[in-house]
Amino acid sequence: MKRELQNVEIPGEYDARRRTWEIVRAAFDERERVAWPRRHLRELVLVAAAVVVLAAVLTPPGRSVVDSVRRTIGVQHAQRELVRLPAPGRLLVDSARGTWIVQSNGSRRLLGPYHEPAWSPHGLFVGAVSNRRELVALDPKGNVRWVKPERRVVRSPRWSYEGYRIAYFAGPTLRVINGDGTGARSIGPADPAVPPAWRPGTHEIAYALHGKPQVVDVDTLMRLRAGPADRRRLFAAVPPNGGPVARVETRRGRSFVVVGSQQVFAGSGRLRGVAWSPNGKWLAVSWPDADQLVFVRVHGKPKLIAVSNIAGELGSSPSLGGWSR
């Protein structure tokens, strides 16, 4: 039966094939000569479009393929530009062009060619990395307050709860400096791939070494016992007012945002970190593979807002440096 159906010609099928071939050949003959990357990008787009069209036309199961393709690309019906943030505050983001501050009304300010930014308490200052080997403190207008050069690559500045200390990496060493740029000192070896995290209300810093959390009082250099909460602070995002932490998990090419034990968002490819809103109700999620910034309301009525074309607006898909008042 299957072979007989395959041999049945649909009325008008031959003419449709011939017209399609003539159109394609004419387009090929009149094509613009372009460079290699642009030429191959066009081919990829045409192939993707053909897959979607065929999936939509051939069979009802094809419609589910279309939905799957759209989910891979990103959230459907995403906004074309970032008009405003869904919660009060200012979002700090890091792109190829540098560090940006996104205001609650959607307006943006480029602070300069700084990277790995982090808010100080209450958003008074920004700690960031300049020229890979300088720790810099800026105000939200981009004015440099002080610079601390290092011989090794600087990474992951993090402010203490009141802004009196900044922890950061210089190569594979954890260091701490006073909030005014004085008194830099070494804490010890650490894994620079895992940003440090302060214990709330203390000058005790948690960091990773050989995959295990370590805790030190940076004022006395006393080693302290690390607990489960320290590990959660290192490997997850803690909401500003306490409560369940948010973390990103990756399984079989898909990434998931999990708050406590509840999955709140999933997408194909990479998710580049999360940031809690100051009121603790929303999560901002950077989704580079979809070129989208996604906002997920975790507390209250569930809601999801996605903004596309983020790379075009900011220079590249950003990582998130925090969401402050």
Protein backbone atom coordinates (compact mmCIF):
# COMPACT_ATOMS: atom_id res chain seq x y z
CA MET A 1 0.00 0.00 0.00
CA LYS A 2 2.84 2.40 0.94
CA ARG A 3 4.61 1.82 -2.40
CA GLU A 4 1.39 2.31 -4.36
CA LEU A 5 0.72 5.62 -2.60
CA GLN A 6 4.25 6.79 -3.34
CA ASN A 7 3.69 6.15 -7.08
CA VAL A 8 0.48 8.19 -7.20
CA GLU A 9 1.18 11.63 -8.71
CA ILE A 10 -0.72 14.55 -7.22
CA PRO A 11 -2.50 16.65 -9.91
CA GLY A 12 -0.33 19.58 -10.92
CA GLU A 13 2.68 18.25 -9.07
CA TYR A 14 4.95 18.09 -12.15
CA ASP A 15 4.14 21.65 -13.23
CA ALA A 16 4.72 22.92 -9.69
CA ARG A 17 8.11 21.23 -9.59
CA ARG A 18 9.12 22.72 -12.94
CA ARG A 19 8.04 26.25 -11.96
CA THR A 20 9.89 25.99 -8.66
CA TRP A 21 13.07 24.84 -10.40
CA GLU A 22 12.91 27.70 -12.93
CA ILE A 23 12.50 30.27 -10.13
CA VAL A 24 15.37 28.83 -8.10
CA ARG A 25 17.67 28.64 -11.15
CA ALA A 26 16.90 32.22 -12.17
CA ALA A 27 17.56 33.45 -8.64
CA PHE A 28 20.84 31.56 -8.59
CA ASP A 29 21.96 33.06 -11.91
CA GLU A 30 21.17 36.61 -10.68
CA ARG A 31 22.63 36.16 -7.20
CA GLU A 32 24.93 38.75 -5.67
CA ARG A 33 28.55 37.71 -5.22
CA VAL A 34 29.20 37.83 -1.46
CA ALA A 35 31.93 36.91 0.98
CA TRP A 36 32.15 33.38 2.44
CA PRO A 37 30.48 34.00 5.83
CA ARG A 38 27.58 35.95 4.37
CA ARG A 39 27.12 33.38 1.59
CA HIS A 40 26.88 30.50 4.01
CA LEU A 41 24.61 32.41 6.36
CA ARG A 42 22.13 32.78 3.51
CA GLU A 43 22.27 29.04 2.82
CA LEU A 44 21.63 28.24 6.46
CA VAL A 45 18.63 30.57 6.56
CA LEU A 46 17.20 29.02 3.38
CA VAL A 47 17.63 25.51 4.74
CA ALA A 48 15.99 26.44 8.03
CA ALA A 49 13.10 28.09 6.19
CA ALA A 50 12.66 25.02 3.99
CA VAL A 51 12.51 22.77 7.03
CA VAL A 52 9.82 24.91 8.62
CA VAL A 53 7.75 25.15 5.40
CA LEU A 54 7.92 21.43 4.71
CA ALA A 55 7.07 20.59 8.29
CA ALA A 56 4.05 22.88 8.20
CA VAL A 57 2.70 21.69 4.84
CA LEU A 58 3.21 17.95 4.75
CA THR A 59 1.52 16.49 7.80
CA PRO A 60 -0.18 17.41 11.07
CA PRO A 61 2.80 16.01 13.02
CA GLY A 62 4.84 18.55 11.08
CA ARG A 63 3.15 21.32 13.03
CA SER A 64 4.75 20.03 16.21
CA VAL A 65 8.10 20.20 14.42
CA VAL A 66 7.43 23.87 13.69
CA ASP A 67 6.69 24.48 17.36
CA SER A 68 9.91 22.70 18.30
CA VAL A 69 11.93 24.80 15.86
CA ARG A 70 10.41 27.99 17.27
CA ARG A 71 11.16 26.93 20.82
CA THR A 72 14.76 26.29 19.82
CA ILE A 73 15.04 29.78 18.35
CA GLY A 74 13.53 31.41 21.43
CA VAL A 75 10.36 32.49 23.15
CA GLN A 76 7.59 33.25 20.67
CA HIS A 77 6.07 36.75 20.48
CA ALA A 78 9.15 38.32 22.10
CA GLN A 79 9.45 42.09 22.20
CA ARG A 80 11.77 43.53 19.56
CA GLU A 81 13.42 45.93 22.01
CA LEU A 82 13.77 46.40 25.74
CA VAL A 83 11.13 49.00 26.55
CA ARG A 84 11.21 48.70 30.35
CA LEU A 85 12.11 46.31 33.13
CA PRO A 86 9.22 44.36 34.65
CA ALA A 87 10.25 45.40 38.19
CA PRO A 88 11.82 48.52 39.72
CA GLY A 89 15.59 48.82 39.74
CA ARG A 90 18.58 48.93 37.41
CA LEU A 91 20.00 45.93 35.57
CA LEU A 92 23.78 45.66 35.23
CA VAL A 93 24.92 43.78 32.13
CA ASP A 94 28.24 42.87 30.52
CA SER A 95 28.55 42.68 26.73
CA ALA A 96 31.36 42.72 24.19
CA ARG A 97 31.17 46.53 24.09
CA GLY A 98 31.49 46.83 27.85
CA THR A 99 29.34 47.37 30.94
CA TRP A 100 25.82 48.78 30.60
CA ILE A 101 23.28 50.00 33.12
CA VAL A 102 19.68 49.41 32.00
CA GLN A 103 17.23 51.67 33.82
CA SER A 104 13.72 50.58 34.79
CA ASN A 105 12.29 52.61 31.87
CA GLY A 106 14.50 50.72 29.39
CA SER A 107 17.02 53.52 28.80
CA ARG A 108 20.66 52.43 28.77
CA ARG A 109 24.04 53.90 29.66
CA LEU A 110 27.35 52.43 28.51
CA LEU A 111 29.81 52.92 31.37
CA GLY A 112 32.81 52.00 29.25
CA PRO A 113 34.99 49.05 28.20
CA TYR A 114 34.67 47.28 31.55
CA HIS A 115 33.71 43.68 32.16
CA GLU A 116 32.50 41.32 34.89
CA PRO A 117 30.65 44.13 36.70
CA ALA A 118 29.03 43.85 40.13
CA TRP A 119 26.86 46.26 42.09
CA SER A 120 27.88 47.59 45.47
CA PRO A 121 25.15 47.60 48.15
CA HIS A 122 22.23 49.87 47.18
CA GLY A 123 23.76 50.38 43.72
CA LEU A 124 26.04 53.25 44.76
CA PHE A 125 29.08 51.92 42.88
CA VAL A 126 30.11 49.31 40.33
CA GLY A 127 33.16 47.08 40.67
CA ALA A 128 34.49 45.85 37.32
CA VAL A 129 37.55 44.67 35.40
CA SER A 130 39.49 46.91 33.02
CA ASN A 131 42.18 45.78 30.59
CA ARG A 132 41.97 42.30 32.14
CA ARG A 133 44.48 43.20 34.87
CA GLU A 134 42.86 46.14 36.66
CA LEU A 135 40.17 46.21 39.32
CA VAL A 136 38.10 49.38 38.90
CA ALA A 137 35.47 51.11 41.02
CA LEU A 138 33.02 53.36 39.15
CA ASP A 139 29.94 55.36 39.98
CA PRO A 140 26.73 54.73 37.96
CA LYS A 141 27.62 57.63 35.63
CA GLY A 142 30.86 55.94 34.60
CA ASN A 143 33.24 58.12 36.62
CA VAL A 144 36.28 56.13 37.81
CA ARG A 145 36.83 56.35 41.58
CA TRP A 146 39.97 54.21 41.82
CA VAL A 147 41.98 51.56 39.99
CA LYS A 148 43.97 48.65 41.44
CA PRO A 149 46.44 47.09 38.94
CA GLU A 150 47.37 43.41 39.27
CA ARG A 151 50.03 41.30 37.60
CA ARG A 152 47.57 38.52 36.80
CA VAL A 153 44.15 38.38 35.19
CA VAL A 154 41.46 39.93 37.42
CA ARG A 155 38.05 38.27 37.66
CA SER A 156 34.73 38.27 39.56
CA PRO A 157 34.71 41.30 41.90
CA ARG A 158 32.12 40.94 44.67
CA TRP A 159 31.18 43.57 47.31
CA SER A 160 30.55 42.77 50.96
CA TYR A 161 27.12 43.51 52.43
CA GLU A 162 27.92 47.14 53.39
CA GLY A 163 30.49 47.89 50.68
CA TYR A 164 33.55 47.97 52.96
CA ARG A 165 35.30 45.05 51.22
CA ILE A 166 35.62 43.71 47.67
CA ALA A 167 36.69 40.14 47.00
CA TYR A 168 38.15 39.29 43.59
CA PHE A 169 40.50 36.88 41.83
CA ALA A 170 43.98 37.74 40.57
CA GLY A 171 44.91 34.64 38.60
CA PRO A 172 44.21 31.57 40.78
CA THR A 173 44.40 33.61 44.01
CA LEU A 174 41.50 35.08 45.98
CA ARG A 175 42.24 38.64 47.13
CA VAL A 176 40.35 41.24 49.15
CA ILE A 177 40.59 45.04 49.03
CA ASN A 178 38.87 47.78 51.03
CA GLY A 179 35.98 49.55 49.38
CA ASP A 180 38.07 52.72 48.98
CA GLY A 181 40.80 50.89 47.02
CA THR A 182 43.28 50.49 49.90
CA GLY A 183 44.63 47.51 51.85
CA ALA A 184 44.68 44.81 49.14
CA ARG A 185 45.71 41.42 50.55
CA SER A 186 45.83 37.78 49.53
CA ILE A 187 43.46 35.20 51.01
CA GLY A 188 44.81 32.08 49.29
CA PRO A 189 44.48 29.78 46.26
CA ALA A 190 41.00 29.41 44.78
CA ASP A 191 39.15 28.30 41.67
CA PRO A 192 38.58 31.48 39.60
CA ALA A 193 35.87 29.76 37.53
CA VAL A 194 33.50 29.96 40.54
CA PRO A 195 32.79 33.54 41.72
CA PRO A 196 33.16 34.08 45.48
CA ALA A 197 30.14 34.78 47.71
CA TRP A 198 29.90 36.71 50.98
CA ARG A 199 28.01 35.35 53.96
CA PRO A 200 25.19 37.85 54.64
CA GLY A 201 26.01 40.51 57.19
CA THR A 202 29.64 39.40 57.65
CA HIS A 203 33.14 39.74 56.26
CA GLU A 204 33.26 35.98 55.77
CA ILE A 205 33.82 34.92 52.18
CA ALA A 206 33.00 31.56 50.60
CA TYR A 207 34.95 30.33 47.58
CA ALA A 208 35.68 27.08 45.79
CA LEU A 209 38.91 25.08 45.92
CA HIS A 210 39.18 21.69 44.21
CA GLY A 211 35.39 21.65 43.86
CA LYS A 212 34.70 22.16 47.57
CA PRO A 213 33.51 25.32 49.37
CA GLN A 214 35.93 27.10 51.68
CA VAL A 215 35.14 29.95 54.08
CA VAL A 216 37.51 32.58 55.52
CA ASP A 217 37.00 35.63 57.71
CA VAL A 218 38.90 38.17 55.60
CA ASP A 219 39.62 40.47 58.55
CA THR A 220 41.21 37.81 60.78
CA LEU A 221 42.15 35.28 58.05
CA MET A 222 40.56 32.62 60.25
CA ARG A 223 39.35 29.52 58.39
CA LEU A 224 35.74 28.64 59.14
CA ARG A 225 33.58 25.61 58.57
CA ALA A 226 31.68 25.59 55.29
CA GLY A 227 28.06 24.45 55.30
CA PRO A 228 25.39 23.60 52.69
CA ALA A 229 24.31 27.26 52.53
CA ASP A 230 27.81 28.29 51.45
CA ARG A 231 27.72 25.85 48.57
CA ARG A 232 24.32 27.19 47.46
CA ARG A 233 25.63 30.75 47.50
CA LEU A 234 28.58 29.76 45.33
CA PHE A 235 26.72 27.78 42.72
CA ALA A 236 23.35 29.56 42.65
CA ALA A 237 21.73 33.01 42.79
CA VAL A 238 20.37 34.02 46.19
CA PRO A 239 17.29 36.30 46.29
CA PRO A 240 17.79 39.66 48.06
CA ASN A 241 15.36 38.90 50.88
CA GLY A 242 16.31 35.28 51.44
CA GLY A 243 14.22 32.30 50.35
CA PRO A 244 14.90 29.57 47.76
CA VAL A 245 17.94 30.09 45.55
CA ALA A 246 17.89 30.05 41.74
CA ARG A 247 20.30 27.92 39.77
CA VAL A 248 20.90 26.93 36.14
CA GLU A 249 21.08 23.25 35.21
CA THR A 250 22.03 21.81 31.81
CA ARG A 251 20.92 18.40 30.57
CA ARG A 252 21.17 16.98 27.03
CA GLY A 253 21.56 20.31 25.29
CA ARG A 254 18.78 22.06 27.24
CA SER A 255 19.14 24.47 30.13
CA PHE A 256 16.76 24.89 33.04
CA VAL A 257 16.27 27.57 35.70
CA VAL A 258 15.30 25.97 38.98
CA VAL A 259 14.16 27.89 42.08
CA GLY A 260 14.36 25.64 45.11
CA SER A 261 12.94 22.44 43.67
CA GLN A 262 10.66 24.08 41.07
CA GLN A 263 11.59 24.47 37.41
CA VAL A 264 10.55 27.95 36.27
CA PHE A 265 12.09 28.16 32.78
CA ALA A 266 13.66 25.89 30.15
CA GLY A 267 15.31 26.58 26.82
CA SER A 268 17.54 24.91 24.26
CA GLY A 269 21.23 25.72 24.38
CA ARG A 270 22.99 27.92 26.95
CA LEU A 271 21.61 30.20 29.61
CA ARG A 272 24.16 32.77 30.73
CA GLY A 273 23.26 33.22 34.37
CA VAL A 274 20.33 34.69 36.29
CA ALA A 275 19.74 37.79 38.42
CA TRP A 276 17.01 38.46 41.00
CA SER A 277 15.02 41.69 40.91
CA PRO A 278 15.39 43.86 44.04
CA ASN A 279 11.86 42.95 45.16
CA GLY A 280 12.63 39.23 44.81
CA LYS A 281 9.68 38.58 42.46
CA TRP A 282 11.38 38.34 39.03
CA LEU A 283 14.37 36.58 37.56
CA ALA A 284 16.30 37.97 34.60
CA VAL A 285 17.80 35.23 32.41
CA SER A 286 20.29 35.79 29.58
CA TRP A 287 19.74 33.32 26.71
CA PRO A 288 22.59 33.82 24.19
CA ASP A 289 21.62 31.02 21.79
CA ALA A 290 18.22 32.67 21.28
CA ASP A 291 19.59 36.25 21.40
CA GLN A 292 17.00 36.97 24.06
CA LEU A 293 16.76 38.41 27.54
CA VAL A 294 13.99 36.63 29.44
CA PHE A 295 12.19 37.82 32.57
CA VAL A 296 10.35 35.21 34.63
CA ARG A 297 7.94 36.16 37.41
CA VAL A 298 8.56 33.60 40.13
CA HIS A 299 6.39 34.98 42.94
CA GLY A 300 2.78 35.92 42.26
CA LYS A 301 0.89 35.05 39.08
CA PRO A 302 3.34 33.30 36.68
CA LYS A 303 4.41 35.46 33.75
CA LEU A 304 7.17 35.41 31.17
CA ILE A 305 8.48 38.36 29.15
CA ALA A 306 11.13 37.91 26.46
CA VAL A 307 13.08 40.56 24.57
CA SER A 308 14.89 39.65 21.35
CA ASN A 309 17.67 41.33 19.36
CA ILE A 310 19.67 41.89 22.57
CA ALA A 311 23.00 41.44 20.78
CA GLY A 312 22.05 44.17 18.32
CA GLU A 313 21.17 46.57 21.12
CA LEU A 314 24.10 45.90 23.47
CA GLY A 315 26.84 44.62 21.16
CA SER A 316 26.55 40.95 22.11
CA SER A 317 24.39 38.69 24.23
CA PRO A 318 25.10 39.88 27.76
CA SER A 319 25.98 38.24 31.02
CA LEU A 320 24.21 39.66 34.07
CA GLY A 321 26.03 41.61 36.77
CA GLY A 322 23.07 42.06 39.07
CA TRP A 323 19.77 43.91 39.49
CA SER A 324 19.90 46.74 42.03
CA ARG A 325 17.61 49.43 43.36
